[in-house]
């Protein structure tokens, strides 16, 4: 058991890559390409929103600045 944990920690990038590949294959076989892409898009969106929250970036402020930029361009 100790050897397995040692292998995993020494090759963490490979192990994570294999797990991600397994999940992608599962989703593709279960849901199909477009539903899998849809799920991936929301995972990425959730990651971005969570990252902004961790960094103290306000979503409300971003939306307000975006809307103001649209008003200025017109």
N, C-alpha and C. Protein backbone atom coordinates (compact mmCIF):
# COMPACT_ATOMS: atom_id res chain seq x y z
N UNK A 1 0.83 -1.20 0.00
CA UNK A 1 0.00 0.00 0.00
C UNK A 1 0.87 1.25 0.00
N UNK A 2 1.95 1.22 0.75
CA UNK A 2 2.84 2.36 0.84
C UNK A 2 3.48 2.65 -0.52
N UNK A 3 3.78 1.61 -1.29
CA UNK A 3 4.38 1.78 -2.62
C UNK A 3 3.39 2.45 -3.57
N UNK A 4 2.12 2.11 -3.45
CA UNK A 4 1.09 2.71 -4.32
C UNK A 4 0.97 4.20 -4.03
N UNK A 5 0.93 4.57 -2.76
CA UNK A 5 0.84 5.98 -2.39
C UNK A 5 2.08 6.75 -2.85
N UNK A 6 3.24 6.13 -2.73
CA UNK A 6 4.47 6.75 -3.17
C UNK A 6 4.44 6.99 -4.68
N UNK A 7 3.96 5.99 -5.44
CA UNK A 7 3.84 6.13 -6.89
C UNK A 7 2.88 7.26 -7.25
N UNK A 8 1.75 7.31 -6.55
CA UNK A 8 0.74 8.34 -6.83
C UNK A 8 1.32 9.73 -6.58
N UNK A 9 2.00 9.92 -5.47
CA UNK A 9 2.54 11.25 -5.15
C UNK A 9 3.68 11.65 -6.07
N UNK A 10 4.45 10.67 -6.55
CA UNK A 10 5.54 10.98 -7.47
C UNK A 10 5.04 11.27 -8.88
N UNK A 11 3.85 10.78 -9.20
CA UNK A 11 3.28 10.94 -10.54
C UNK A 11 1.89 11.55 -10.48
N UNK A 12 1.72 12.56 -9.65
CA UNK A 12 0.39 13.13 -9.41
C UNK A 12 -0.23 13.69 -10.68
N UNK A 13 0.57 14.30 -11.56
CA UNK A 13 0.03 14.84 -12.80
C UNK A 13 -0.54 13.76 -13.70
N UNK A 14 0.16 12.64 -13.79
CA UNK A 14 -0.32 11.52 -14.61
C UNK A 14 -1.59 10.93 -14.02
N UNK A 15 -1.61 10.78 -12.71
CA UNK A 15 -2.78 10.19 -12.05
C UNK A 15 -4.00 11.07 -12.23
N UNK A 16 -3.84 12.37 -12.03
CA UNK A 16 -4.96 13.30 -12.21
C UNK A 16 -5.40 13.30 -13.67
N UNK A 17 -4.46 13.27 -14.60
CA UNK A 17 -4.79 13.22 -16.03
C UNK A 17 -5.59 11.98 -16.39
N UNK A 18 -5.22 10.85 -15.83
CA UNK A 18 -5.95 9.60 -16.09
C UNK A 18 -7.37 9.69 -15.53
N UNK A 19 -7.51 10.24 -14.33
CA UNK A 19 -8.84 10.37 -13.72
C UNK A 19 -9.71 11.32 -14.53
N UNK A 20 -9.15 12.45 -14.96
CA UNK A 20 -9.91 13.39 -15.79
C UNK A 20 -10.31 12.74 -17.10
N UNK A 21 -9.39 12.01 -17.73
CA UNK A 21 -9.70 11.30 -18.97
C UNK A 21 -10.80 10.28 -18.78
N UNK A 22 -10.79 9.59 -17.66
CA UNK A 22 -11.83 8.61 -17.36
C UNK A 22 -13.19 9.28 -17.24
N UNK A 23 -13.23 10.42 -16.53
CA UNK A 23 -14.50 11.15 -16.39
C UNK A 23 -14.99 11.65 -17.74
N UNK A 24 -14.09 12.19 -18.55
CA UNK A 24 -14.50 12.70 -19.87
C UNK A 24 -15.05 11.56 -20.73
N UNK A 25 -14.37 10.42 -20.73
CA UNK A 25 -14.85 9.26 -21.50
C UNK A 25 -16.22 8.81 -21.01
N UNK A 26 -16.39 8.76 -19.69
CA UNK A 26 -17.68 8.37 -19.13
C UNK A 26 -18.79 9.31 -19.56
N UNK A 27 -18.53 10.63 -19.46
CA UNK A 27 -19.54 11.61 -19.85
C UNK A 27 -19.85 11.53 -21.35
N UNK A 28 -18.82 11.35 -22.17
CA UNK A 28 -19.05 11.25 -23.61
C UNK A 28 -19.89 10.03 -23.96
N UNK A 29 -19.59 8.91 -23.35
CA UNK A 29 -20.35 7.69 -23.62
C UNK A 29 -21.77 7.76 -23.06
N UNK A 30 -21.93 8.42 -21.93
CA UNK A 30 -23.24 8.49 -21.29
C UNK A 30 -24.13 9.56 -21.90
N UNK A 31 -23.60 10.75 -22.11
CA UNK A 31 -24.42 11.89 -22.52
C UNK A 31 -24.23 12.32 -23.96
N UNK A 32 -23.12 11.99 -24.58
CA UNK A 32 -22.84 12.45 -25.93
C UNK A 32 -21.98 13.70 -25.90
N UNK A 33 -21.53 14.12 -27.09
CA UNK A 33 -20.57 15.21 -27.20
C UNK A 33 -21.13 16.55 -26.73
N UNK A 34 -22.29 16.95 -27.24
CA UNK A 34 -22.80 18.29 -26.95
C UNK A 34 -23.24 18.46 -25.50
N UNK A 35 -23.84 17.43 -24.93
CA UNK A 35 -24.22 17.52 -23.51
C UNK A 35 -22.97 17.55 -22.63
N UNK A 36 -21.93 16.81 -23.02
CA UNK A 36 -20.68 16.83 -22.28
C UNK A 36 -20.04 18.21 -22.36
N UNK A 37 -20.05 18.83 -23.55
CA UNK A 37 -19.50 20.18 -23.69
C UNK A 37 -20.29 21.18 -22.86
N UNK A 38 -21.61 21.00 -22.81
CA UNK A 38 -22.48 21.85 -22.00
C UNK A 38 -22.11 21.74 -20.52
N UNK A 39 -21.92 20.51 -20.04
CA UNK A 39 -21.53 20.29 -18.66
C UNK A 39 -20.16 20.91 -18.40
N UNK A 40 -19.22 20.72 -19.32
CA UNK A 40 -17.87 21.28 -19.17
C UNK A 40 -17.91 22.80 -19.12
N UNK A 41 -18.77 23.42 -19.92
CA UNK A 41 -18.88 24.88 -19.92
C UNK A 41 -19.33 25.38 -18.56
N UNK A 42 -20.28 24.70 -17.93
CA UNK A 42 -20.75 25.13 -16.62
C UNK A 42 -19.72 24.84 -15.53
N UNK A 43 -18.93 23.79 -15.69
CA UNK A 43 -17.85 23.53 -14.74
C UNK A 43 -16.82 24.66 -14.82
N UNK A 44 -16.48 25.06 -16.03
CA UNK A 44 -15.52 26.15 -16.22
C UNK A 44 -16.07 27.46 -15.67
N UNK A 45 -17.35 27.73 -15.94
CA UNK A 45 -17.98 28.94 -15.41
C UNK A 45 -17.97 28.94 -13.89
N UNK A 46 -18.27 27.80 -13.29
CA UNK A 46 -18.24 27.69 -11.83
C UNK A 46 -16.85 27.91 -11.28
N UNK A 47 -15.85 27.40 -11.97
CA UNK A 47 -14.46 27.61 -11.55
C UNK A 47 -14.10 29.09 -11.60
N UNK A 48 -14.47 29.75 -12.70
CA UNK A 48 -14.15 31.17 -12.85
C UNK A 48 -14.85 32.00 -11.78
N UNK A 49 -16.13 31.74 -11.54
CA UNK A 49 -16.86 32.49 -10.51
C UNK A 49 -16.27 32.23 -9.12
N UNK A 50 -15.89 30.99 -8.84
CA UNK A 50 -15.28 30.67 -7.56
C UNK A 50 -13.93 31.34 -7.40
N UNK A 51 -13.15 31.38 -8.47
CA UNK A 51 -11.84 32.05 -8.43
C UNK A 51 -12.02 33.53 -8.17
N UNK A 52 -12.99 34.15 -8.84
CA UNK A 52 -13.25 35.58 -8.62
C UNK A 52 -13.65 35.82 -7.17
N UNK A 53 -14.49 34.95 -6.63
CA UNK A 53 -14.92 35.10 -5.24
C UNK A 53 -13.74 34.99 -4.30
N UNK A 54 -12.86 34.03 -4.54
CA UNK A 54 -11.67 33.87 -3.70
C UNK A 54 -10.75 35.07 -3.77
N UNK A 55 -10.69 35.71 -4.93
CA UNK A 55 -9.81 36.86 -5.11
C UNK A 55 -10.48 38.18 -4.71
N UNK A 56 -11.73 38.11 -4.29
CA UNK A 56 -12.43 39.30 -3.84
C UNK A 56 -12.98 40.15 -4.97
N UNK A 57 -13.13 39.56 -6.14
CA UNK A 57 -13.67 40.29 -7.29
C UNK A 57 -15.19 40.18 -7.24
N UNK A 58 -15.88 41.30 -7.34
CA UNK A 58 -17.33 41.33 -7.27
C UNK A 58 -17.94 41.12 -8.65
N UNK A 59 -18.79 40.11 -8.76
CA UNK A 59 -19.48 39.86 -10.02
C UNK A 59 -20.39 41.03 -10.37
N UNK A 60 -21.01 41.61 -9.36
CA UNK A 60 -21.89 42.75 -9.56
C UNK A 60 -21.12 43.93 -10.18
N UNK A 61 -19.90 44.16 -9.71
CA UNK A 61 -19.07 45.23 -10.24
C UNK A 61 -18.68 44.95 -11.69
N UNK A 62 -18.36 43.72 -12.02
CA UNK A 62 -17.99 43.36 -13.39
C UNK A 62 -19.17 43.59 -14.33
N UNK A 63 -20.35 43.16 -13.92
CA UNK A 63 -21.54 43.33 -14.76
C UNK A 63 -21.85 44.81 -14.94
N UNK A 64 -21.74 45.59 -13.87
CA UNK A 64 -21.99 47.02 -13.94
C UNK A 64 -21.02 47.70 -14.92
N UNK A 65 -19.73 47.36 -14.83
CA UNK A 65 -18.74 47.94 -15.74
C UNK A 65 -19.00 47.52 -17.18
N UNK A 66 -19.41 46.28 -17.38
CA UNK A 66 -19.72 45.81 -18.72
C UNK A 66 -20.91 46.56 -19.32
N UNK A 67 -21.95 46.74 -18.53
CA UNK A 67 -23.14 47.46 -19.01
C UNK A 67 -22.80 48.92 -19.28
N UNK A 68 -21.99 49.51 -18.44
CA UNK A 68 -21.57 50.90 -18.68
C UNK A 68 -20.75 50.99 -19.96
N UNK A 69 -19.92 50.03 -20.24
CA UNK A 69 -19.12 50.03 -21.47
C UNK A 69 -20.03 49.91 -22.70
N UNK A 70 -21.09 49.13 -22.57
CA UNK A 70 -22.03 49.00 -23.68
C UNK A 70 -22.76 50.32 -23.95
N UNK A 71 -23.10 51.04 -22.89
CA UNK A 71 -23.78 52.33 -23.03
C UNK A 71 -22.87 53.35 -23.67
N UNK A 72 -21.60 53.34 -23.33
CA UNK A 72 -20.64 54.32 -23.88
C UNK A 72 -20.42 54.08 -25.36
N UNK A 73 -20.40 52.81 -25.79
CA UNK A 73 -20.13 52.50 -27.21
C UNK A 73 -21.29 52.89 -28.12
N UNK A 74 -22.48 53.00 -27.62
CA UNK A 74 -23.64 53.31 -28.47
C UNK A 74 -23.72 54.74 -28.82
